[in-house]
Amino acid sequence: MNTLILIGLSIAALFWSLKKDKEKTKESIMLAKNLFINIFVEIFALMALVALFLAWIPNSVIKSLLGNPNELLSAIYGAIIGTVTIIPAFVAFPLAGSLLKNGANLVAIAAFITTLTMVGFATMPIEIKYFGKKFTFIRNGISIIAALLIAAGIGVIL
């Protein structure tokens, strides 16, 4: 229902804009179309990579690494995977849902998501270039500890 309301408001705003200035509205629509095409290609490629990942990795591997009865070990594996992975959060959440369906436990998923968003192992050279080694190592170290504490907290709560 909310989506229909937003679509209706967008269409009304589009007609109001067309009435105010037809050229600027056309220019804005073309700009939005190009942005949409660029973003769509990136999202489609990332979703394809996630699908390939899930197709290539057997459920038994996911379950043994991220669904281990030892939740601390699973959290560490999830944190390692999240640390070296670079994907946007909007792709990570559906991936996390798929991992959960394939046998991963919530603590490992929480460690994966938190390290994915907080720790940047793959982007470390860029971060070192702009902020220096000391800052980068301290920030990433604190982020890993915080991510594991958040994962443990989620394990306690849920």
Foldseek 3Di string as FASTA:
>chain_A
DVVVVVVVVVVVVLVVVCVVPVVVSVVVVVVVVVVVVVVVVVVVVLLVVLVVVPVPDDLVVLQVQQQPPPNLSNLVSLLVQLQADADDLVNLVVSLVVSVVSRGDQLSSQNNSQNNVQHHPPCLVVCCVVPNDVVNVVSRVVSNVVSNVVSVVVVVVD
